[in-house]
Amino acid sequence: RADLLTLLRGASTSSELREQWTQQLIELLFAGAQTGVYPDAMKRLKALEAELEKSSDESNLFTAAVYRRIVAEYNNASRDASNDDREELQKKWMADLQEFIKKYPRSSDAPEAMYQLGQAEEFHGKTKEAVVWFRRVIEDYPDAPQKERAEGVVRRFELEGKPLSLSGSSLQGKTISAADY
């Protein structure tokens, strides 16, 4: 499939078609690299990333390739890591995501990178740091699909110590609320 997509990219007569085939190739190589079913996937993804870096009209595709490479490298390393190595691996993952956001803040993958950082901080028990990343998603990327998830996480963190706000209809059709009790 990767060979076919590469041929289709090369034969494309329009930039729209070339972009479509390139995006499909990136996703295919990403999946192959993560699952291990295609041993050359990572090497080809890196080569495609290097090719796309030189092309100014394919910058969104370039950052997509970069992000997917970072994710695939982390997932592969996590799968193969010993328990002793996981902490260092997590630190590298977070540093790589932060570097990605710093270099490519307008990438369509930047909100997902921030969301991943927020999750990592939360899993490490660093709630305040997590909220900072989730708020950045909310404020910096109001149209990103991750915004709604980030808002939900922030809302969950802000619930602690507050009374439960729950209301609904009773069997008789009247409104009941936890605040009434």
N, C-alpha and C. Protein backbone atom coordinates (compact mmCIF):
# COMPACT_ATOMS: atom_id res chain seq x y z
N ARG A 1 0.82 -1.20 0.00
CA ARG A 1 0.00 0.00 0.00
C ARG A 1 0.87 1.26 0.00
N ALA A 2 1.94 1.24 0.78
CA ALA A 2 2.80 2.41 0.85
C ALA A 2 3.42 2.69 -0.51
N ASP A 3 3.83 1.65 -1.20
CA ASP A 3 4.39 1.84 -2.55
C ASP A 3 3.36 2.41 -3.49
N LEU A 4 2.12 1.91 -3.42
CA LEU A 4 1.05 2.41 -4.28
C LEU A 4 0.74 3.87 -3.98
N LEU A 5 0.65 4.21 -2.71
CA LEU A 5 0.38 5.60 -2.34
C LEU A 5 1.52 6.52 -2.79
N THR A 6 2.73 6.04 -2.71
CA THR A 6 3.88 6.82 -3.17
C THR A 6 3.78 7.06 -4.68
N LEU A 7 3.40 6.05 -5.41
CA LEU A 7 3.21 6.20 -6.86
C LEU A 7 2.08 7.18 -7.17
N LEU A 8 1.00 7.08 -6.44
CA LEU A 8 -0.13 7.99 -6.65
C LEU A 8 0.26 9.44 -6.35
N ARG A 9 1.05 9.64 -5.30
CA ARG A 9 1.55 11.00 -4.98
C ARG A 9 2.32 11.55 -6.16
N GLY A 10 3.23 10.73 -6.68
CA GLY A 10 4.08 11.18 -7.78
C GLY A 10 3.32 11.43 -9.06
N ALA A 11 2.24 10.71 -9.28
CA ALA A 11 1.46 10.85 -10.51
C ALA A 11 0.37 11.91 -10.41
N SER A 12 0.17 12.48 -9.23
CA SER A 12 -0.91 13.46 -9.04
C SER A 12 -0.66 14.70 -9.88
N THR A 13 -1.72 15.13 -10.54
CA THR A 13 -1.63 16.32 -11.39
C THR A 13 -2.10 17.58 -10.68
N SER A 14 -2.71 17.42 -9.52
CA SER A 14 -3.15 18.61 -8.77
C SER A 14 -2.60 18.55 -7.35
N SER A 15 -2.46 19.72 -6.76
CA SER A 15 -1.94 19.78 -5.39
C SER A 15 -2.92 19.13 -4.41
N GLU A 16 -4.23 19.23 -4.69
CA GLU A 16 -5.23 18.62 -3.81
C GLU A 16 -5.07 17.10 -3.77
N LEU A 17 -4.89 16.50 -4.94
CA LEU A 17 -4.72 15.05 -4.99
C LEU A 17 -3.41 14.64 -4.32
N ARG A 18 -2.36 15.38 -4.60
CA ARG A 18 -1.06 15.05 -3.98
C ARG A 18 -1.17 15.14 -2.46
N GLU A 19 -1.85 16.15 -1.98
CA GLU A 19 -2.03 16.31 -0.53
C GLU A 19 -2.83 15.13 0.04
N GLN A 20 -3.88 14.74 -0.65
CA GLN A 20 -4.71 13.63 -0.20
C GLN A 20 -3.90 12.33 -0.11
N TRP A 21 -3.13 12.03 -1.16
CA TRP A 21 -2.34 10.81 -1.16
C TRP A 21 -1.22 10.87 -0.12
N THR A 22 -0.66 12.04 0.07
CA THR A 22 0.40 12.20 1.06
C THR A 22 -0.14 11.98 2.46
N GLN A 23 -1.30 12.57 2.75
CA GLN A 23 -1.91 12.39 4.07
C GLN A 23 -2.21 10.91 4.32
N GLN A 24 -2.72 10.24 3.32
CA GLN A 24 -3.00 8.80 3.47
C GLN A 24 -1.71 8.01 3.70
N LEU A 25 -0.66 8.39 3.01
CA LEU A 25 0.62 7.72 3.17
C LEU A 25 1.17 7.93 4.58
N ILE A 26 1.07 9.16 5.08
CA ILE A 26 1.52 9.45 6.45
C ILE A 26 0.76 8.58 7.45
N GLU A 27 -0.55 8.52 7.31
CA GLU A 27 -1.36 7.75 8.25
C GLU A 27 -1.06 6.25 8.15
N LEU A 28 -0.84 5.76 6.94
CA LEU A 28 -0.51 4.35 6.74
C LEU A 28 0.84 4.01 7.39
N LEU A 29 1.83 4.85 7.14
CA LEU A 29 3.16 4.62 7.72
C LEU A 29 3.10 4.72 9.24
N PHE A 30 2.34 5.66 9.74
CA PHE A 30 2.15 5.83 11.19
C PHE A 30 1.56 4.55 11.79
N ALA A 31 0.51 4.05 11.19
CA ALA A 31 -0.13 2.82 11.69
C ALA A 31 0.84 1.64 11.60
N GLY A 32 1.54 1.55 10.50
CA GLY A 32 2.49 0.46 10.32
C GLY A 32 3.62 0.52 11.32
N ALA A 33 4.09 1.73 11.61
CA ALA A 33 5.18 1.90 12.57
C ALA A 33 4.72 1.54 13.99
N GLN A 34 3.51 1.93 14.34
CA GLN A 34 3.02 1.66 15.70
C GLN A 34 2.69 0.19 15.93
N THR A 35 2.12 -0.45 14.93
CA THR A 35 1.70 -1.84 15.11
C THR A 35 2.83 -2.82 14.89
N GLY A 36 3.85 -2.38 14.17
CA GLY A 36 4.97 -3.26 13.87
C GLY A 36 4.71 -4.20 12.70
N VAL A 37 3.57 -4.06 12.03
CA VAL A 37 3.27 -4.96 10.92
C VAL A 37 4.05 -4.61 9.66
N TYR A 38 4.61 -3.41 9.63
CA TYR A 38 5.39 -2.99 8.47
C TYR A 38 6.75 -2.52 8.98
N PRO A 39 7.75 -3.40 8.97
CA PRO A 39 9.05 -3.09 9.57
C PRO A 39 9.74 -1.83 9.02
N ASP A 40 9.51 -1.48 7.76
CA ASP A 40 10.17 -0.31 7.17
C ASP A 40 9.37 0.98 7.35
N ALA A 41 8.24 0.89 8.05
CA ALA A 41 7.35 2.06 8.16
C ALA A 41 8.03 3.26 8.79
N MET A 42 8.75 3.06 9.89
CA MET A 42 9.38 4.20 10.57
C MET A 42 10.44 4.83 9.68
N LYS A 43 11.23 4.02 9.04
CA LYS A 43 12.27 4.54 8.15
C LYS A 43 11.62 5.35 7.01
N ARG A 44 10.55 4.85 6.46
CA ARG A 44 9.87 5.56 5.36
C ARG A 44 9.17 6.82 5.86
N LEU A 45 8.61 6.76 7.07
CA LEU A 45 7.97 7.96 7.64
C LEU A 45 9.01 9.06 7.84
N LYS A 46 10.18 8.71 8.35
CA LYS A 46 11.25 9.70 8.54
C LYS A 46 11.71 10.26 7.19
N ALA A 47 11.81 9.41 6.18
CA ALA A 47 12.22 9.88 4.85
C ALA A 47 11.17 10.82 4.27
N LEU A 48 9.91 10.49 4.45
CA LEU A 48 8.83 11.36 3.95
C LEU A 48 8.84 12.68 4.71
N GLU A 49 9.06 12.63 6.01
CA GLU A 49 9.16 13.84 6.82
C GLU A 49 10.27 14.75 6.28
N ALA A 50 11.43 14.18 5.99
CA ALA A 50 12.56 14.95 5.47
C ALA A 50 12.22 15.56 4.11
N GLU A 51 11.52 14.80 3.28
CA GLU A 51 11.10 15.31 1.97
C GLU A 51 10.12 16.48 2.13
N LEU A 52 9.16 16.30 3.02
CA LEU A 52 8.13 17.33 3.22
C LEU A 52 8.70 18.60 3.85
N GLU A 53 9.75 18.46 4.64
CA GLU A 53 10.38 19.62 5.28
C GLU A 53 10.91 20.59 4.24
N LYS A 54 11.33 20.08 3.10
CA LYS A 54 11.89 20.91 2.03
C LYS A 54 10.82 21.60 1.20
N SER A 55 9.57 21.17 1.32
CA SER A 55 8.48 21.70 0.50
C SER A 55 7.68 22.73 1.28
N SER A 56 7.72 23.98 0.86
CA SER A 56 7.02 25.03 1.60
C SER A 56 5.51 24.93 1.47
N ASP A 57 4.98 24.35 0.36
CA ASP A 57 3.53 24.28 0.21
C ASP A 57 2.93 23.05 0.90
N GLU A 58 3.74 22.26 1.57
CA GLU A 58 3.21 21.09 2.25
C GLU A 58 3.54 21.13 3.75
N SER A 59 3.56 22.34 4.33
CA SER A 59 3.96 22.48 5.73
C SER A 59 3.02 21.76 6.69
N ASN A 60 1.71 21.76 6.40
CA ASN A 60 0.79 21.04 7.28
C ASN A 60 1.05 19.54 7.23
N LEU A 61 1.40 19.05 6.06
CA LEU A 61 1.73 17.63 5.94
C LEU A 61 3.04 17.33 6.66
N PHE A 62 3.98 18.25 6.58
CA PHE A 62 5.25 18.07 7.28
C PHE A 62 5.03 17.94 8.77
N THR A 63 4.27 18.86 9.37
CA THR A 63 4.06 18.80 10.82
C THR A 63 3.23 17.57 11.19
N ALA A 64 2.34 17.12 10.31
CA ALA A 64 1.60 15.88 10.57
C ALA A 64 2.56 14.70 10.63
N ALA A 65 3.52 14.67 9.71
CA ALA A 65 4.51 13.59 9.71
C ALA A 65 5.38 13.66 10.96
N VAL A 66 5.79 14.85 11.35
CA VAL A 66 6.62 15.03 12.55
C VAL A 66 5.88 14.52 13.78
N TYR A 67 4.64 14.96 13.95
CA TYR A 67 3.88 14.57 15.13
C TYR A 67 3.67 13.06 15.19
N ARG A 68 3.31 12.48 14.07
CA ARG A 68 3.06 11.04 14.04
C ARG A 68 4.35 10.24 14.30
N ARG A 69 5.46 10.75 13.83
CA ARG A 69 6.74 10.09 14.12
C ARG A 69 7.01 10.12 15.62
N ILE A 70 6.82 11.28 16.24
CA ILE A 70 7.05 11.43 17.68
C ILE A 70 6.16 10.44 18.45
N VAL A 71 4.90 10.38 18.09
CA VAL A 71 3.96 9.48 18.77
C VAL A 71 4.37 8.02 18.57
N ALA A 72 4.69 7.66 17.33
CA ALA A 72 5.07 6.27 17.04
C ALA A 72 6.36 5.89 17.78
N GLU A 73 7.33 6.79 17.81
CA GLU A 73 8.57 6.49 18.53
C GLU A 73 8.29 6.26 20.01
N TYR A 74 7.46 7.10 20.60
CA TYR A 74 7.14 6.95 22.01
C TYR A 74 6.40 5.64 22.27
N ASN A 75 5.39 5.36 21.45
CA ASN A 75 4.60 4.14 21.66
C ASN A 75 5.46 2.89 21.48
N ASN A 76 6.32 2.89 20.49
CA ASN A 76 7.20 1.74 20.28
C ASN A 76 8.17 1.58 21.44
N ALA A 77 8.75 2.68 21.88
CA ALA A 77 9.69 2.61 22.99
C ALA A 77 8.98 2.17 24.27
N SER A 78 7.75 2.63 24.48
CA SER A 78 6.98 2.24 25.67
C SER A 78 6.69 0.75 25.68
N ARG A 79 6.35 0.26 24.52
CA ARG A 79 6.02 -1.17 24.41
C ARG A 79 7.22 -2.04 24.76
N ASP A 80 8.39 -1.59 24.38
CA ASP A 80 9.60 -2.39 24.57
C ASP A 80 10.38 -2.04 25.84
N ALA A 81 9.96 -1.03 26.58
CA ALA A 81 10.73 -0.54 27.73
C ALA A 81 10.53 -1.39 28.97
N SER A 82 11.56 -1.43 29.78
CA SER A 82 11.44 -2.06 31.09
C SER A 82 10.79 -1.05 32.04
N ASN A 83 10.32 -1.53 33.15
CA ASN A 83 9.70 -0.63 34.13
C ASN A 83 10.68 0.45 34.60
N ASP A 84 11.96 0.10 34.67
CA ASP A 84 12.98 1.04 35.12
C ASP A 84 13.17 2.19 34.13
N ASP A 85 12.92 1.93 32.86
CA ASP A 85 13.15 2.93 31.82
C ASP A 85 11.94 3.83 31.55
N ARG A 86 10.79 3.47 32.06
CA ARG A 86 9.56 4.19 31.71
C ARG A 86 9.55 5.65 32.16
N GLU A 87 10.12 5.94 33.31
CA GLU A 87 10.12 7.33 33.79
C GLU A 87 10.93 8.22 32.86
N GLU A 88 12.10 7.78 32.47
CA GLU A 88 12.93 8.56 31.54
C GLU A 88 12.25 8.68 30.18
N LEU A 89 11.62 7.61 29.76
CA LEU A 89 10.90 7.63 28.49
C LEU A 89 9.76 8.64 28.52
N GLN A 90 9.04 8.69 29.63
CA GLN A 90 7.94 9.65 29.79
C GLN A 90 8.47 11.09 29.76
N LYS A 91 9.61 11.33 30.39
CA LYS A 91 10.21 12.67 30.38
C LYS A 91 10.59 13.08 28.96
N LYS A 92 11.16 12.14 28.20
CA LYS A 92 11.54 12.43 26.82
C LYS A 92 10.30 12.72 25.98
N TRP A 93 9.26 11.93 26.17
CA TRP A 93 7.99 12.11 25.45
C TRP A 93 7.44 13.52 25.70
N MET A 94 7.43 13.92 26.96
CA MET A 94 6.90 15.23 27.29
C MET A 94 7.78 16.34 26.72
N ALA A 95 9.08 16.16 26.76
CA ALA A 95 9.99 17.15 26.18
C ALA A 95 9.80 17.24 24.66
N ASP A 96 9.62 16.09 24.02
CA ASP A 96 9.39 16.08 22.57
C ASP A 96 8.09 16.80 22.21
N LEU A 97 7.04 16.57 23.00
CA LEU A 97 5.77 17.25 22.74
C LEU A 97 5.91 18.76 22.94
N GLN A 98 6.60 19.16 24.00
CA GLN A 98 6.79 20.59 24.24
C GLN A 98 7.59 21.24 23.12
N GLU A 99 8.60 20.54 22.64
CA GLU A 99 9.41 21.06 21.53
C GLU A 99 8.56 21.16 20.26
N PHE A 100 7.71 20.19 20.03
CA PHE A 100 6.82 20.23 18.87
C PHE A 100 5.91 21.46 18.93
N ILE A 101 5.32 21.69 20.09
CA ILE A 101 4.42 22.84 20.27
C ILE A 101 5.19 24.15 20.08
N LYS A 102 6.39 24.21 20.60
CA LYS A 102 7.22 25.42 20.48
C LYS A 102 7.56 25.69 19.01
N LYS A 103 7.93 24.65 18.28
CA LYS A 103 8.33 24.82 16.88
C LYS A 103 7.15 25.03 15.93
N TYR A 104 6.04 24.34 16.24
CA TYR A 104 4.91 24.33 15.30
C TYR A 104 3.59 24.67 16.01
N PRO A 105 3.48 25.86 16.60
CA PRO A 105 2.28 26.19 17.37
C PRO A 105 1.01 26.27 16.53
N ARG A 106 1.14 26.46 15.25
CA ARG A 106 -0.04 26.56 14.37
C ARG A 106 -0.35 25.25 13.67
N SER A 107 0.36 24.20 14.02
CA SER A 107 0.08 22.88 13.45
C SER A 107 -1.30 22.41 13.91
N SER A 108 -1.99 21.69 13.05
CA SER A 108 -3.28 21.14 13.45
C SER A 108 -3.13 20.07 14.54
N ASP A 109 -1.91 19.60 14.76
CA ASP A 109 -1.65 18.61 15.80
C ASP A 109 -1.22 19.24 17.13
N ALA A 110 -0.97 20.54 17.16
CA ALA A 110 -0.54 21.21 18.39
C ALA A 110 -1.56 21.06 19.53
N PRO A 111 -2.87 21.21 19.27
CA PRO A 111 -3.82 21.03 20.37
C PRO A 111 -3.79 19.62 20.95
N GLU A 112 -3.60 18.63 20.09
CA GLU A 112 -3.52 17.24 20.59
C GLU A 112 -2.25 17.05 21.40
N ALA A 113 -1.15 17.65 20.98
CA ALA A 113 0.10 17.56 21.74
C ALA A 113 -0.08 18.18 23.12
N MET A 114 -0.75 19.33 23.19
CA MET A 114 -1.02 19.97 24.48
C MET A 114 -1.93 19.11 25.34
N TYR A 115 -2.93 18.53 24.71
CA TYR A 115 -3.85 17.67 25.45
C TYR A 115 -3.10 16.47 26.03
N GLN A 116 -2.21 15.89 25.25
CA GLN A 116 -1.40 14.76 25.71
C GLN A 116 -0.52 15.17 26.90
N LEU A 117 0.03 16.38 26.82
CA LEU A 117 0.84 16.88 27.94
C LEU A 117 -0.01 17.05 29.20
N GLY A 118 -1.22 17.57 29.02
CA GLY A 118 -2.13 17.70 30.15
C GLY A 118 -2.44 16.35 30.79
N GLN A 119 -2.70 15.36 29.94
CA GLN A 119 -2.98 14.02 30.46
C GLN A 119 -1.78 13.45 31.21
N ALA A 120 -0.60 13.63 30.63
CA ALA A 120 0.61 13.11 31.28
C ALA A 120 0.81 13.75 32.64
N GLU A 121 0.61 15.06 32.72
CA GLU A 121 0.75 15.75 34.01
C GLU A 121 -0.29 15.24 35.00
N GLU A 122 -1.51 15.03 34.54
CA GLU A 122 -2.56 14.52 35.42
C GLU A 122 -2.19 13.14 35.95
N PHE A 123 -1.70 12.27 35.09
CA PHE A 123 -1.33 10.92 35.51
C PHE A 123 -0.18 10.93 36.51
N HIS A 124 0.64 11.99 36.47
CA HIS A 124 1.73 12.12 37.43
C HIS A 124 1.28 12.84 38.71
N GLY A 125 -0.01 13.14 38.80
CA GLY A 125 -0.54 13.80 39.98
C GLY A 125 -0.29 15.29 40.03
N LYS A 126 0.13 15.87 38.91
CA LYS A 126 0.43 17.30 38.85
C LYS A 126 -0.77 18.04 38.24
N THR A 127 -1.80 18.17 39.05
CA THR A 127 -3.06 18.74 38.60
C THR A 127 -2.91 20.18 38.10
N LYS A 128 -2.17 21.00 38.84
CA LYS A 128 -2.03 22.41 38.43
C LYS A 128 -1.35 22.52 37.07
N GLU A 129 -0.31 21.72 36.85
CA GLU A 129 0.38 21.74 35.56
C GLU A 129 -0.53 21.21 34.45
N ALA A 130 -1.33 20.20 34.78
CA ALA A 130 -2.27 19.65 33.79
C ALA A 130 -3.27 20.70 33.37
N VAL A 131 -3.81 21.42 34.34
CA VAL A 131 -4.82 22.45 34.03
C VAL A 131 -4.22 23.52 33.13
N VAL A 132 -2.96 23.86 33.34
CA VAL A 132 -2.31 24.87 32.48
C VAL A 132 -2.35 24.40 31.03
N TRP A 133 -2.02 23.13 30.76
CA TRP A 133 -2.04 22.63 29.38
C TRP A 133 -3.45 22.58 28.83
N PHE A 134 -4.41 22.11 29.64
CA PHE A 134 -5.79 22.03 29.16
C PHE A 134 -6.35 23.42 28.87
N ARG A 135 -6.02 24.39 29.72
CA ARG A 135 -6.48 25.77 29.48
C ARG A 135 -5.86 26.35 28.21
N ARG A 136 -4.63 26.00 27.94
CA ARG A 136 -3.99 26.47 26.69
C ARG A 136 -4.73 25.93 25.47
N VAL A 137 -5.15 24.67 25.55
CA VAL A 137 -5.95 24.11 24.44
C VAL A 137 -7.22 24.94 24.28
N ILE A 138 -7.90 25.18 25.39
CA ILE A 138 -9.17 25.91 25.37
C ILE A 138 -9.00 27.32 24.81
N GLU A 139 -7.98 28.02 25.28
CA GLU A 139 -7.80 29.43 24.91
C GLU A 139 -7.13 29.62 23.56
N ASP A 140 -6.13 28.79 23.25
CA ASP A 140 -5.35 28.98 22.03
C ASP A 140 -5.97 28.32 20.80
N TYR A 141 -6.83 27.32 21.02
CA TYR A 141 -7.38 26.55 19.90
C TYR A 141 -8.90 26.37 20.08
N PRO A 142 -9.65 27.48 20.04
CA PRO A 142 -11.09 27.40 20.31
C PRO A 142 -11.88 26.56 19.31
N ASP A 143 -11.32 26.30 18.13
CA ASP A 143 -12.02 25.50 17.13
C ASP A 143 -11.54 24.05 17.08
N ALA A 144 -10.57 23.72 17.90
CA ALA A 144 -10.01 22.36 17.88
C ALA A 144 -10.96 21.38 18.55
N PRO A 145 -11.01 20.16 18.03
CA PRO A 145 -11.87 19.15 18.64
C PRO A 145 -11.46 18.82 20.08
N GLN A 146 -10.21 19.05 20.44
CA GLN A 146 -9.73 18.76 21.79
C GLN A 146 -10.25 19.77 22.81
N LYS A 147 -10.76 20.90 22.34
CA LYS A 147 -11.22 21.95 23.25
C LYS A 147 -12.32 21.43 24.18
N GLU A 148 -13.29 20.74 23.63
CA GLU A 148 -14.40 20.25 24.44
C GLU A 148 -13.93 19.26 25.50
N ARG A 149 -13.03 18.37 25.12
CA ARG A 149 -12.48 17.41 26.10
C ARG A 149 -11.70 18.15 27.18
N ALA A 150 -10.92 19.15 26.78
CA ALA A 150 -10.13 19.91 27.75
C ALA A 150 -11.04 20.65 28.72
N GLU A 151 -12.13 21.22 28.21
CA GLU A 151 -13.09 21.90 29.08
C GLU A 151 -13.69 20.93 30.10
N GLY A 152 -13.98 19.72 29.66
CA GLY A 152 -14.53 18.72 30.56
C GLY A 152 -13.54 18.35 31.66
N VAL A 153 -12.27 18.23 31.31
CA VAL A 153 -11.26 17.89 32.31
C VAL A 153 -11.11 19.02 33.32
N VAL A 154 -11.04 20.25 32.82
CA VAL A 154 -10.91 21.40 33.72
C VAL A 154 -12.13 21.49 34.64
N ARG A 155 -13.31 21.28 34.08
CA ARG A 155 -14.53 21.31 34.89
C ARG A 155 -14.47 20.23 35.97
N ARG A 156 -13.98 19.04 35.64
CA ARG A 156 -13.86 17.95 36.61
C ARG A 156 -12.90 18.35 37.73
N PHE A 157 -11.76 18.97 37.39
CA PHE A 157 -10.81 19.40 38.42
C PHE A 157 -11.41 20.46 39.32
N GLU A 158 -12.25 21.32 38.76
CA GLU A 158 -12.82 22.42 39.54
C GLU A 158 -14.00 21.98 40.40
N LEU A 159 -14.46 20.75 40.26
CA LEU A 159 -15.58 20.25 41.05
C LEU A 159 -15.21 19.94 42.50
N GLU A 160 -13.95 19.66 42.73
CA GLU A 160 -13.53 19.25 44.07
C GLU A 160 -13.88 20.31 45.10
N GLY A 161 -14.57 19.86 46.14
CA GLY A 161 -14.95 20.75 47.23
C GLY A 161 -16.22 21.55 46.98
N LYS A 162 -16.82 21.37 45.83
CA LYS A 162 -18.06 22.08 45.51
C LYS A 162 -19.23 21.12 45.62
N PRO A 163 -20.42 21.67 45.96
CA PRO A 163 -21.59 20.79 46.06
C PRO A 163 -21.98 20.24 44.68
N LEU A 164 -22.54 19.04 44.70
CA LEU A 164 -22.99 18.39 43.47
C LEU A 164 -24.17 19.16 42.89
N SER A 165 -24.09 19.50 41.64
CA SER A 165 -25.17 20.20 40.95
C SER A 165 -25.83 19.20 40.02
N LEU A 166 -27.00 18.70 40.45
CA LEU A 166 -27.70 17.68 39.69
C LEU A 166 -29.18 17.95 39.77
N SER A 167 -29.84 17.96 38.63
CA SER A 167 -31.28 18.14 38.62
C SER A 167 -31.87 17.34 37.47
N GLY A 168 -33.17 17.08 37.56
CA GLY A 168 -33.86 16.33 36.52
C GLY A 168 -35.34 16.28 36.83
N SER A 169 -36.07 15.54 36.01
CA SER A 169 -37.52 15.42 36.19
C SER A 169 -37.86 14.20 37.03
N SER A 170 -38.81 14.38 37.92
CA SER A 170 -39.29 13.26 38.72
C SER A 170 -40.28 12.45 37.89
N LEU A 171 -40.75 11.34 38.45
CA LEU A 171 -41.73 10.52 37.75
C LEU A 171 -43.05 11.27 37.56
N GLN A 172 -43.28 12.26 38.40
CA GLN A 172 -44.49 13.06 38.30
C GLN A 172 -44.32 14.25 37.37
N GLY A 173 -43.13 14.43 36.80
CA GLY A 173 -42.90 15.53 35.86
C GLY A 173 -42.41 16.82 36.51
N LYS A 174 -42.20 16.80 37.81
CA LYS A 174 -41.71 17.98 38.51
C LYS A 174 -40.18 17.97 38.49
N THR A 175 -39.58 19.15 38.56
CA THR A 175 -38.14 19.26 38.60
C THR A 175 -37.65 18.99 40.01
N ILE A 176 -36.66 18.11 40.12
CA ILE A 176 -36.02 17.86 41.40
C ILE A 176 -34.55 18.20 41.26
N SER A 177 -33.95 18.65 42.36
CA SER A 177 -32.58 19.06 42.35
C SER A 177 -31.89 18.61 43.62
N ALA A 178 -30.64 18.21 43.49
CA ALA A 178 -29.84 17.82 44.67
C ALA A 178 -29.70 19.01 45.62
N ALA A 179 -29.74 20.23 45.09
CA ALA A 179 -29.61 21.43 45.93
C ALA A 179 -30.79 21.56 46.90
N ASP A 180 -31.93 20.95 46.59
CA ASP A 180 -33.11 21.01 47.47
C ASP A 180 -32.94 20.14 48.71
N TYR A 181 -31.94 19.29 48.67
CA TYR A 181 -31.77 18.34 49.78
C TYR A 181 -30.55 18.68 50.56
